[in-house]
C-alpha atoms as a PDB file:
ATOM      1  CA  UNK A   1      -5.375  49.275  -5.164  1.00  0.00           C
ATOM      2  CA  UNK A   2      -8.091  46.599  -5.038  1.00  0.00           C
ATOM      3  CA  UNK A   3      -7.191  43.692  -2.771  1.00  0.00           C
ATOM      4  CA  UNK A   4      -6.236  40.560  -4.765  1.00  0.00           C
ATOM      5  CA  UNK A   5      -8.460  37.517  -4.742  1.00  0.00           C
ATOM      6  CA  UNK A   6      -7.331  34.483  -2.667  1.00  0.00           C
ATOM      7  CA  UNK A   7      -5.526  32.792  -5.576  1.00  0.00           C
ATOM      8  CA  UNK A   8      -3.627  35.979  -6.437  1.00  0.00           C
ATOM      9  CA  UNK A   9      -2.794  36.418  -2.781  1.00  0.00           C
ATOM     10  CA  UNK A  10      -1.290  32.906  -2.630  1.00  0.00           C
ATOM     11  CA  UNK A  11       0.770  33.616  -5.754  1.00  0.00           C
ATOM     12  CA  UNK A  12       2.072  36.888  -4.324  1.00  0.00           C
ATOM     13  CA  UNK A  13       2.854  35.312  -0.953  1.00  0.00           C
ATOM     14  CA  UNK A  14       4.804  32.505  -2.632  1.00  0.00           C
ATOM     15  CA  UNK A  15       6.708  35.021  -4.772  1.00  0.00           C
ATOM     16  CA  UNK A  16       7.418  37.285  -1.783  1.00  0.00           C
ATOM     17  CA  UNK A  17       9.006  34.344   0.063  1.00  0.00           C
ATOM     18  CA  UNK A  18      11.324  33.458  -2.832  1.00  0.00           C
ATOM     19  CA  UNK A  19      11.874  36.865  -4.461  1.00  0.00           C
ATOM     20  CA  UNK A  20      12.674  35.234  -7.790  1.00  0.00           C
ATOM     21  CA  UNK A  21      11.265  31.980  -9.176  1.00  0.00           C
ATOM     22  CA  UNK A  22      10.199  30.246 -12.391  1.00  0.00           C
ATOM     23  CA  UNK A  23       6.484  30.491 -13.138  1.00  0.00           C
ATOM     24  CA  UNK A  24       6.082  26.745 -13.677  1.00  0.00           C
ATOM     25  CA  UNK A  25       7.793  26.056 -10.333  1.00  0.00           C
ATOM     26  CA  UNK A  26       5.438  28.408  -8.496  1.00  0.00           C
ATOM     27  CA  UNK A  27       2.467  26.824 -10.277  1.00  0.00           C
ATOM     28  CA  UNK A  28       3.645  23.304  -9.377  1.00  0.00           C
ATOM     29  CA  UNK A  29       4.031  24.207  -5.695  1.00  0.00           C
ATOM     30  CA  UNK A  30       0.525  25.688  -5.622  1.00  0.00           C
ATOM     31  CA  UNK A  31      -1.046  22.920  -7.718  1.00  0.00           C
ATOM     32  CA  UNK A  32      -1.997  25.339 -10.509  1.00  0.00           C
ATOM     33  CA  UNK A  33      -1.881  25.237 -14.285  1.00  0.00           C
ATOM     34  CA  UNK A  34       1.267  27.223 -15.244  1.00  0.00           C
ATOM     35  CA  UNK A  35      -0.692  29.073 -17.934  1.00  0.00           C
ATOM     36  CA  UNK A  36      -3.168  30.380 -15.364  1.00  0.00           C
ATOM     37  CA  UNK A  37      -0.340  31.338 -12.989  1.00  0.00           C
ATOM     38  CA  UNK A  38       1.439  33.246 -15.785  1.00  0.00           C
ATOM     39  CA  UNK A  39      -1.725  35.109 -16.799  1.00  0.00           C
ATOM     40  CA  UNK A  40      -2.463  36.098 -13.209  1.00  0.00           C
ATOM     41  CA  UNK A  41       1.093  37.324 -12.631  1.00  0.00           C
ATOM     42  CA  UNK A  42       1.048  39.363 -15.854  1.00  0.00           C
ATOM     43  CA  UNK A  43      -2.263  40.943 -14.809  1.00  0.00           C
ATOM     44  CA  UNK A  44      -0.874  41.730 -11.354  1.00  0.00           C
ATOM     45  CA  UNK A  45       2.230  43.255 -12.932  1.00  0.00           C
ATOM     46  CA  UNK A  46       0.056  45.530 -15.055  1.00  0.00           C
ATOM     47  CA  UNK A  47      -1.878  46.667 -11.960  1.00  0.00           C
ATOM     48  CA  UNK A  48       1.149  48.574 -10.657  1.00  0.00           C
ATOM     49  CA  UNK A  49       2.692  46.014  -8.308  1.00  0.00           C
ATOM     50  CA  UNK A  50       6.525  45.904  -8.181  1.00  0.00           C
ATOM     51  CA  UNK A  51       6.566  42.719 -10.212  1.00  0.00           C
ATOM     52  CA  UNK A  52       8.357  41.629 -13.386  1.00  0.00           C
ATOM     53  CA  UNK A  53       7.197  38.642 -15.438  1.00  0.00           C
ATOM     54  CA  UNK A  54       9.916  37.469 -17.830  1.00  0.00           C
ATOM     55  CA  UNK A  55      11.308  34.457 -19.614  1.00  0.00           C
ATOM     56  CA  UNK A  56      14.730  32.892 -20.040  1.00  0.00           C
ATOM     57  CA  UNK A  57      15.860  30.310 -22.543  1.00  0.00           C
ATOM     58  CA  UNK A  58      18.786  28.570 -24.167  1.00  0.00           C
ATOM     59  CA  UNK A  59      18.982  30.567 -27.450  1.00  0.00           C
ATOM     60  CA  UNK A  60      20.675  27.747 -29.375  1.00  0.00           C
ATOM     61  CA  UNK A  61      18.160  25.207 -28.114  1.00  0.00           C
ATOM     62  CA  UNK A  62      15.247  27.416 -29.150  1.00  0.00           C
ATOM     63  CA  UNK A  63      16.733  27.968 -32.612  1.00  0.00           C
ATOM     64  CA  UNK A  64      17.199  24.198 -33.058  1.00  0.00           C
ATOM     65  CA  UNK A  65      13.613  23.531 -31.974  1.00  0.00           C
ATOM     66  CA  UNK A  66      12.258  26.134 -34.411  1.00  0.00           C
ATOM     67  CA  UNK A  67      14.405  24.821 -37.257  1.00  0.00           C
ATOM     68  CA  UNK A  68      13.268  21.228 -36.612  1.00  0.00           C
ATOM     69  CA  UNK A  69       9.616  22.258 -36.376  1.00  0.00           C
ATOM     70  CA  UNK A  70       9.817  24.300 -39.577  1.00  0.00           C
ATOM     71  CA  UNK A  71      11.464  21.392 -41.400  1.00  0.00           C
ATOM     72  CA  UNK A  72       8.538  19.162 -40.521  1.00  0.00           C
ATOM     73  CA  UNK A  73       5.918  21.851 -41.164  1.00  0.00           C
ATOM     74  CA  UNK A  74       4.477  21.681 -37.641  1.00  0.00           C
ATOM     75  CA  UNK A  75       5.282  25.208 -36.419  1.00  0.00           C
ATOM     76  CA  UNK A  76       2.116  27.269 -36.613  1.00  0.00           C
ATOM     77  CA  UNK A  77       3.486  30.435 -35.027  1.00  0.00           C
ATOM     78  CA  UNK A  78       2.333  32.076 -31.790  1.00  0.00           C
ATOM     79  CA  UNK A  79      -1.359  32.286 -30.869  1.00  0.00           C
ATOM     80  CA  UNK A  80      -3.624  34.904 -32.404  1.00  0.00           C
ATOM     81  CA  UNK A  81      -4.018  38.231 -30.627  1.00  0.00           C
ATOM     82  CA  UNK A  82      -6.240  37.925 -27.568  1.00  0.00           C
ATOM     83  CA  UNK A  83      -5.033  34.499 -26.444  1.00  0.00           C
ATOM     84  CA  UNK A  84      -1.974  33.657 -24.400  1.00  0.00           C
ATOM     85  CA  UNK A  85      -0.157  30.362 -24.050  1.00  0.00           C
ATOM     86  CA  UNK A  86       2.900  29.523 -21.965  1.00  0.00           C
ATOM     87  CA  UNK A  87       5.277  26.835 -23.281  1.00  0.00           C
ATOM     88  CA  UNK A  88       8.015  25.277 -21.233  1.00  0.00           C
ATOM     89  CA  UNK A  89      10.807  26.230 -23.612  1.00  0.00           C
ATOM     90  CA  UNK A  90      12.773  27.627 -20.731  1.00  0.00           C
ATOM     91  CA  UNK A  91      12.242  28.728 -17.112  1.00  0.00           C
ATOM     92  CA  UNK A  92       9.860  31.668 -16.719  1.00  0.00           C
ATOM     93  CA  UNK A  93      10.970  34.066 -14.014  1.00  0.00           C
ATOM     94  CA  UNK A  94       9.204  36.688 -11.983  1.00  0.00           C
ATOM     95  CA  UNK A  95      10.925  39.437 -10.014  1.00  0.00           C
ATOM     96  CA  UNK A  96      11.491  43.211  -9.721  1.00  0.00           C
ATOM     97  CA  UNK A  97       9.335  46.285 -10.707  1.00  0.00           C
ATOM     98  CA  UNK A  98       8.688  46.252 -14.427  1.00  0.00           C
ATOM     99  CA  UNK A  99       5.832  45.743 -16.892  1.00  0.00           C
ATOM    100  CA  UNK A 100       6.166  43.650 -20.014  1.00  0.00           C
ATOM    101  CA  UNK A 101       3.306  43.832 -22.547  1.00  0.00           C
ATOM    102  CA  UNK A 102       2.627  40.713 -24.559  1.00  0.00           C
ATOM    103  CA  UNK A 103       2.105  41.326 -28.272  1.00  0.00           C
ATOM    104  CA  UNK A 104       2.542  38.153 -30.354  1.00  0.00           C
ATOM    105  CA  UNK A 105       3.533  38.567 -33.971  1.00  0.00           C
ATOM    106  CA  UNK A 106       2.772  35.727 -36.363  1.00  0.00           C
ATOM    107  CA  UNK A 107       5.641  34.924 -38.745  1.00  0.00           C
ATOM    108  CA  UNK A 108       5.055  34.849 -42.466  1.00  0.00           C
ATOM    109  CA  UNK A 109       4.966  31.298 -43.785  1.00  0.00           C
ATOM    110  CA  UNK A 110       7.311  30.594 -46.692  1.00  0.00           C
ATOM    111  CA  UNK A 111       6.554  27.467 -48.766  1.00  0.00           C
ATOM    112  CA  UNK A 112       9.380  25.125 -49.749  1.00  0.00           C
ATOM    113  CA  UNK A 113      10.006  25.005 -53.521  1.00  0.00           C
ATOM    114  CA  UNK A 114       9.278  21.711 -55.245  1.00  0.00           C
ATOM    115  CA  UNK A 115      12.310  19.613 -56.154  1.00  0.00           C
ATOM    116  CA  UNK A 116      12.763  18.476 -59.794  1.00  0.00           C
ATOM    117  CA  UNK A 117      11.924  14.791 -59.970  1.00  0.00           C
ATOM    118  CA  UNK A 118      14.694  14.116 -62.487  1.00  0.00           C
ATOM    119  CA  UNK A 119      17.353  15.015 -59.897  1.00  0.00           C
ATOM    120  CA  UNK A 120      18.265  12.987 -56.806  1.00  0.00           C
ATOM    121  CA  UNK A 121      15.789  14.284 -54.246  1.00  0.00           C
ATOM    122  CA  UNK A 122      17.036  15.685 -50.946  1.00  0.00           C
ATOM    123  CA  UNK A 123      14.904  15.510 -47.820  1.00  0.00           C
ATOM    124  CA  UNK A 124      15.133  16.879 -44.329  1.00  0.00           C
ATOM    125  CA  UNK A 125      16.609  14.585 -41.716  1.00  0.00           C
ATOM    126  CA  UNK A 126      14.981  13.925 -38.353  1.00  0.00           C
ATOM    127  CA  UNK A 127      15.438  16.378 -35.472  1.00  0.00           C
ATOM    128  CA  UNK A 128      19.031  16.661 -34.210  1.00  0.00           C
ATOM    129  CA  UNK A 129      20.483  15.045 -37.352  1.00  0.00           C
ATOM    130  CA  UNK A 130      22.777  16.579 -39.970  1.00  0.00           C
ATOM    131  CA  UNK A 131      20.942  19.111 -42.148  1.00  0.00           C
ATOM    132  CA  UNK A 132      20.271  17.263 -45.427  1.00  0.00           C
ATOM    133  CA  UNK A 133      20.353  13.603 -46.407  1.00  0.00           C
ATOM    134  CA  UNK A 134      20.165  12.139 -49.896  1.00  0.00           C
ATOM    135  CA  UNK A 135      17.382   9.773 -50.818  1.00  0.00           C
ATOM    136  CA  UNK A 136      19.927   7.150 -51.924  1.00  0.00           C
ATOM    137  CA  UNK A 137      21.593   7.126 -48.496  1.00  0.00           C
ATOM    138  CA  UNK A 138      20.398   4.929 -45.589  1.00  0.00           C
ATOM    139  CA  UNK A 139      17.308   6.477 -44.050  1.00  0.00           C
ATOM    140  CA  UNK A 140      16.711   6.647 -40.275  1.00  0.00           C
ATOM    141  CA  UNK A 141      14.397   4.042 -38.840  1.00  0.00           C
ATOM    142  CA  UNK A 142      10.793   5.194 -38.419  1.00  0.00           C
ATOM    143  CA  UNK A 143       9.821   6.345 -34.940  1.00  0.00           C
ATOM    144  CA  UNK A 144       6.568   4.994 -33.525  1.00  0.00           C
ATOM    145  CA  UNK A 145       4.376   7.521 -31.729  1.00  0.00           C
ATOM    146  CA  UNK A 146       1.641   5.064 -30.718  1.00  0.00           C
ATOM    147  CA  UNK A 147       1.584   1.957 -28.570  1.00  0.00           C
ATOM    148  CA  UNK A 148      -0.158   0.041 -25.806  1.00  0.00           C
ATOM    149  CA  UNK A 149       0.303  -0.045 -22.045  1.00  0.00           C
ATOM    150  CA  UNK A 150       3.866  -1.181 -21.361  1.00  0.00           C
ATOM    151  CA  UNK A 151       5.238   0.292 -24.613  1.00  0.00           C
ATOM    152  CA  UNK A 152       8.180   2.724 -24.674  1.00  0.00           C
ATOM    153  CA  UNK A 153       7.760   5.492 -27.275  1.00  0.00           C
ATOM    154  CA  UNK A 154      10.256   8.151 -28.388  1.00  0.00           C
ATOM    155  CA  UNK A 155       9.963  11.936 -28.616  1.00  0.00           C
ATOM    156  CA  UNK A 156      12.129  15.075 -28.651  1.00  0.00           C
ATOM    157  CA  UNK A 157      11.728  17.902 -26.147  1.00  0.00           C
ATOM    158  CA  UNK A 158      11.649  21.582 -27.067  1.00  0.00           C
ATOM    159  CA  UNK A 159      15.241  21.855 -25.788  1.00  0.00           C
ATOM    160  CA  UNK A 160      16.397  19.095 -28.142  1.00  0.00           C
ATOM    161  CA  UNK A 161      16.581  16.262 -25.587  1.00  0.00           C
ATOM    162  CA  UNK A 162      15.757  12.825 -27.023  1.00  0.00           C
ATOM    163  CA  UNK A 163      13.391  10.962 -24.706  1.00  0.00           C
ATOM    164  CA  UNK A 164      12.123   7.411 -24.380  1.00  0.00           C
ATOM    165  CA  UNK A 165       8.836   7.363 -22.444  1.00  0.00           C
ATOM    166  CA  UNK A 166       7.303   4.144 -21.167  1.00  0.00           C
ATOM    167  CA  UNK A 167       3.748   3.820 -19.903  1.00  0.00           C
ATOM    168  CA  UNK A 168       4.498   1.322 -17.151  1.00  0.00           C
ATOM    169  CA  UNK A 169       1.146   1.041 -15.401  1.00  0.00           C
ATOM    170  CA  UNK A 170      -2.432   2.228 -15.832  1.00  0.00           C
ATOM    171  CA  UNK A 171      -4.585   1.767 -12.708  1.00  0.00           C
ATOM    172  CA  UNK A 172      -8.314   2.326 -13.299  1.00  0.00           C
ATOM    173  CA  UNK A 173     -10.013   2.636 -10.910  1.00  0.00           C
ATOM    174  CA  UNK A 174      -7.435   3.709  -8.332  1.00  0.00           C
ATOM    175  CA  UNK A 175      -9.874   4.850  -5.649  1.00  0.00           C
ATOM    176  CA  UNK A 176      -8.142   2.754  -2.965  1.00  0.00           C
ATOM    177  CA  UNK A 177      -4.809   4.498  -3.645  1.00  0.00           C
ATOM    178  CA  UNK A 178      -6.495   7.907  -3.632  1.00  0.00           C
ATOM    179  CA  UNK A 179      -8.342   7.408  -0.343  1.00  0.00           C
ATOM    180  CA  UNK A 180      -5.337   5.698   1.308  1.00  0.00           C
ATOM    181  CA  UNK A 181      -3.400   8.936   0.773  1.00  0.00           C
ATOM    182  CA  UNK A 182      -6.013  10.856   2.784  1.00  0.00           C
ATOM    183  CA  UNK A 183      -8.039  12.305  -0.112  1.00  0.00           C
ATOM    184  CA  UNK A 184     -11.791  11.962  -0.565  1.00  0.00           C
ATOM    185  CA  UNK A 185     -13.650  11.453  -3.822  1.00  0.00           C
ATOM    186  CA  UNK A 186     -16.972  13.170  -4.407  1.00  0.00           C
ATOM    187  CA  UNK A 187     -20.063  11.163  -5.181  1.00  0.00           C
ATOM    188  CA  UNK A 188     -19.890   9.846  -8.755  1.00  0.00           C
ATOM    189  CA  UNK A 189     -16.107  10.346  -9.106  1.00  0.00           C
ATOM    190  CA  UNK A 190     -13.261   7.884  -9.526  1.00  0.00           C
ATOM    191  CA  UNK A 191      -9.477   8.148  -9.539  1.00  0.00           C
ATOM    192  CA  UNK A 192      -7.021   6.909 -12.164  1.00  0.00           C
ATOM    193  CA  UNK A 193      -3.254   6.589 -11.646  1.00  0.00           C
ATOM    194  CA  UNK A 194      -0.766   6.479 -14.537  1.00  0.00           C
ATOM    195  CA  UNK A 195       2.853   5.415 -13.962  1.00  0.00           C
ATOM    196  CA  UNK A 196       5.368   6.612 -16.577  1.00  0.00           C
ATOM    197  CA  UNK A 197       9.156   6.417 -16.831  1.00  0.00           C
ATOM    198  CA  UNK A 198      11.198   8.904 -18.872  1.00  0.00           C
ATOM    199  CA  UNK A 199      14.728   8.097 -20.080  1.00  0.00           C
ATOM    200  CA  UNK A 200      16.879  10.905 -21.467  1.00  0.00           C
ATOM    201  CA  UNK A 201      19.031   9.202 -24.117  1.00  0.00           C
ATOM    202  CA  UNK A 202      20.675  12.432 -25.319  1.00  0.00           C
ATOM    203  CA  UNK A 203      23.348  14.782 -23.989  1.00  0.00           C
ATOM    204  CA  UNK A 204      20.823  17.626 -23.589  1.00  0.00           C
ATOM    205  CA  UNK A 205      19.080  18.082 -20.203  1.00  0.00           C
ATOM    206  CA  UNK A 206      15.310  17.806 -20.160  1.00  0.00           C
ATOM    207  CA  UNK A 207      14.154  20.671 -17.923  1.00  0.00           C
ATOM    208  CA  UNK A 208      10.359  20.335 -17.872  1.00  0.00           C
ATOM    209  CA  UNK A 209       8.030  18.404 -15.588  1.00  0.00           C
ATOM    210  CA  UNK A 210       7.721  15.013 -17.368  1.00  0.00           C
ATOM    211  CA  UNK A 211       3.930  14.770 -16.972  1.00  0.00           C
ATOM    212  CA  UNK A 212       3.126  18.468 -17.493  1.00  0.00           C
ATOM    213  CA  UNK A 213       0.936  17.707 -20.513  1.00  0.00           C
ATOM    214  CA  UNK A 214       0.036  14.076 -19.818  1.00  0.00           C
ATOM    215  CA  UNK A 215      -3.734  13.688 -20.298  1.00  0.00           C
ATOM    216  CA  UNK A 216      -6.403  11.023 -20.563  1.00  0.00           C
ATOM    217  CA  UNK A 217      -8.530  10.920 -23.719  1.00  0.00           C
ATOM    218  CA  UNK A 218     -12.152   9.818 -23.324  1.00  0.00           C
ATOM    219  CA  UNK A 219     -14.376   7.924 -25.728  1.00  0.00           C
ATOM    220  CA  UNK A 220     -16.138  11.190 -26.594  1.00  0.00           C
ATOM    221  CA  UNK A 221     -12.824  12.858 -27.548  1.00  0.00           C
ATOM    222  CA  UNK A 222     -12.506  15.020 -24.443  1.00  0.00           C
ATOM    223  CA  UNK A 223      -9.285  15.259 -22.431  1.00  0.00           C
ATOM    224  CA  UNK A 224      -8.822  14.957 -18.681  1.00  0.00           C
ATOM    225  CA  UNK A 225      -5.878  16.824 -17.138  1.00  0.00           C
ATOM    226  CA  UNK A 226      -4.029  15.675 -14.059  1.00  0.00           C
ATOM    227  CA  UNK A 227      -5.219  16.437 -10.535  1.00  0.00           C
ATOM    228  CA  UNK A 228      -2.945  18.617  -8.352  1.00  0.00           C
ATOM    229  CA  UNK A 229      -2.327  15.839  -5.812  1.00  0.00           C
ATOM    230  CA  UNK A 230       0.418  13.329  -5.085  1.00  0.00           C
ATOM    231  CA  UNK A 231       0.115   9.959  -3.399  1.00  0.00           C
ATOM    232  CA  UNK A 232       2.476   8.824  -0.653  1.00  0.00           C
ATOM    233  CA  UNK A 233       2.537   5.283  -2.046  1.00  0.00           C
ATOM    234  CA  UNK A 234       2.957   6.465  -5.657  1.00  0.00           C
ATOM    235  CA  UNK A 235       5.456   9.400  -5.793  1.00  0.00           C
ATOM    236  CA  UNK A 236       4.881  12.113  -8.387  1.00  0.00           C
ATOM    237  CA  UNK A 237       7.339  13.155 -11.107  1.00  0.00           C
ATOM    238  CA  UNK A 238      10.102  15.595 -10.214  1.00  0.00           C
ATOM    239  CA  UNK A 239      11.195  18.454 -12.436  1.00  0.00           C
ATOM    240  CA  UNK A 240      13.693  17.563 -15.186  1.00  0.00           C
ATOM    241  CA  UNK A 241      15.628  14.504 -16.367  1.00  0.00           C
ATOM    242  CA  UNK A 242      19.397  14.732 -16.808  1.00  0.00           C
ATOM    243  CA  UNK A 243      21.291  13.106 -19.736  1.00  0.00           C
ATOM    244  CA  UNK A 244      21.498   9.347 -19.304  1.00  0.00           C
ATOM    245  CA  UNK A 245      19.006   9.275 -16.435  1.00  0.00           C
ATOM    246  CA  UNK A 246      15.676   7.475 -16.090  1.00  0.00           C
ATOM    247  CA  UNK A 247      13.033   9.139 -13.912  1.00  0.00           C
ATOM    248  CA  UNK A 248       9.705   7.630 -12.939  1.00  0.00           C
ATOM    249  CA  UNK A 249       6.580   9.142 -11.483  1.00  0.00           C
ATOM    250  CA  UNK A 250       2.863   8.720 -10.987  1.00  0.00           C
ATOM    251  CA  UNK A 251       0.151  11.042 -12.281  1.00  0.00           C
ATOM    252  CA  UNK A 252      -3.283  11.178 -10.654  1.00  0.00           C
ATOM    253  CA  UNK A 253      -6.517  11.936 -12.494  1.00  0.00           C
ATOM    254  CA  UNK A 254     -10.019  12.457 -11.071  1.00  0.00           C
ATOM    255  CA  UNK A 255     -12.959  12.046 -13.464  1.00  0.00           C
ATOM    256  CA  UNK A 256     -16.638  11.083 -13.509  1.00  0.00           C
ATOM    257  CA  UNK A 257     -17.228   7.461 -12.658  1.00  0.00           C
ATOM    258  CA  UNK A 258     -19.061   6.807 -15.960  1.00  0.00           C
ATOM    259  CA  UNK A 259     -16.347   8.289 -18.216  1.00  0.00           C
ATOM    260  CA  UNK A 260     -14.641   5.744 -20.477  1.00  0.00           C
ATOM    261  CA  UNK A 261     -10.924   6.293 -21.071  1.00  0.00           C
ATOM    262  CA  UNK A 262      -9.543   5.027 -24.376  1.00  0.00           C
ATOM    263  CA  UNK A 263      -6.076   6.656 -24.569  1.00  0.00           C
ATOM    264  CA  UNK A 264      -3.249   8.157 -22.558  1.00  0.00           C
ATOM    265  CA  UNK A 265      -1.568  11.046 -24.397  1.00  0.00           C
ATOM    266  CA  UNK A 266       1.791  12.771 -23.748  1.00  0.00           C
ATOM    267  CA  UNK A 267       2.986  15.999 -25.373  1.00  0.00           C
ATOM    268  CA  UNK A 268       5.825  18.480 -24.942  1.00  0.00           C
ATOM    269  CA  UNK A 269       3.380  21.399 -25.251  1.00  0.00           C
ATOM    270  CA  UNK A 270      -0.341  21.951 -24.584  1.00  0.00           C
ATOM    271  CA  UNK A 271      -1.371  21.228 -28.175  1.00  0.00           C
ATOM    272  CA  UNK A 272      -0.856  18.047 -30.189  1.00  0.00           C
ATOM    273  CA  UNK A 273       2.228  18.106 -32.441  1.00  0.00           C
ATOM    274  CA  UNK A 274       4.785  15.859 -34.147  1.00  0.00           C
ATOM    275  CA  UNK A 275       6.168  14.623 -30.811  1.00  0.00           C
ATOM    276  CA  UNK A 276       2.805  13.700 -29.278  1.00  0.00           C
ATOM    277  CA  UNK A 277       2.712  10.112 -28.009  1.00  0.00           C
ATOM    278  CA  UNK A 278      -0.461   8.026 -27.627  1.00  0.00           C
ATOM    279  CA  UNK A 279      -1.011   4.775 -25.729  1.00  0.00           C
ATOM    280  CA  UNK A 280      -4.243   2.862 -26.333  1.00  0.00           C
ATOM    281  CA  UNK A 281      -6.122   1.652 -23.268  1.00  0.00           C
ATOM    282  CA  UNK A 282      -7.792  -1.708 -23.842  1.00  0.00           C
ATOM    283  CA  UNK A 283     -10.782  -3.038 -21.904  1.00  0.00           C
END
């Protein structure tokens, strides 16, 4: 067998110490993107190592998430063959000797039939509400997905947890915080620190890392993902938020000094969807 590269070796060493762990937890401890960690582990499993890459979930929570997404027309199915994406719909586990091939199958889309206009029209309710509501009944208040620094916006997790997320602070530049923690910026780089607080207002636990898909959006439309560092004076987010709890954390970004940031964007998955929240950064 060909010796693994240094990153694979670190993954295997971490797994050997624990024996069984969630992929996103291993990735967080190593400062890696969970998608890269999953791909590397799947490749290592296929090379003959005694390694199993699997996934666990709450079946009812997944069914609710799919039903809600289908009702709003924002479920596009799994990625096309040849690409692989890992979503935090449940903890991904690795253990044991087994190989699991990945072969995504795209579901067939079924259009909704048009409703006769002469009849009272029924519409889908918001996620986690009763199935159908009549148009002549009181409608739920609209949910804002955009705001400014200091605003609290609402979203639903893939598990069905209802979240209120506040962008408390946006520090740009934050070079003094970065260097005070013992890190060094390269020539032409600057640091940005974003402080967010997540309140779980539902009875469903939120099990993901709150800033997993928190990104900065630049004036040119590019996105900047978080840096795998934490600052002693600005603690990072911890995994999960229990019902009724509020959890805060700081996310660090490193970007070119000349890059202009216009938005902070939060999502429950890598791509933009119905629950994506956007805060505008003003000069």
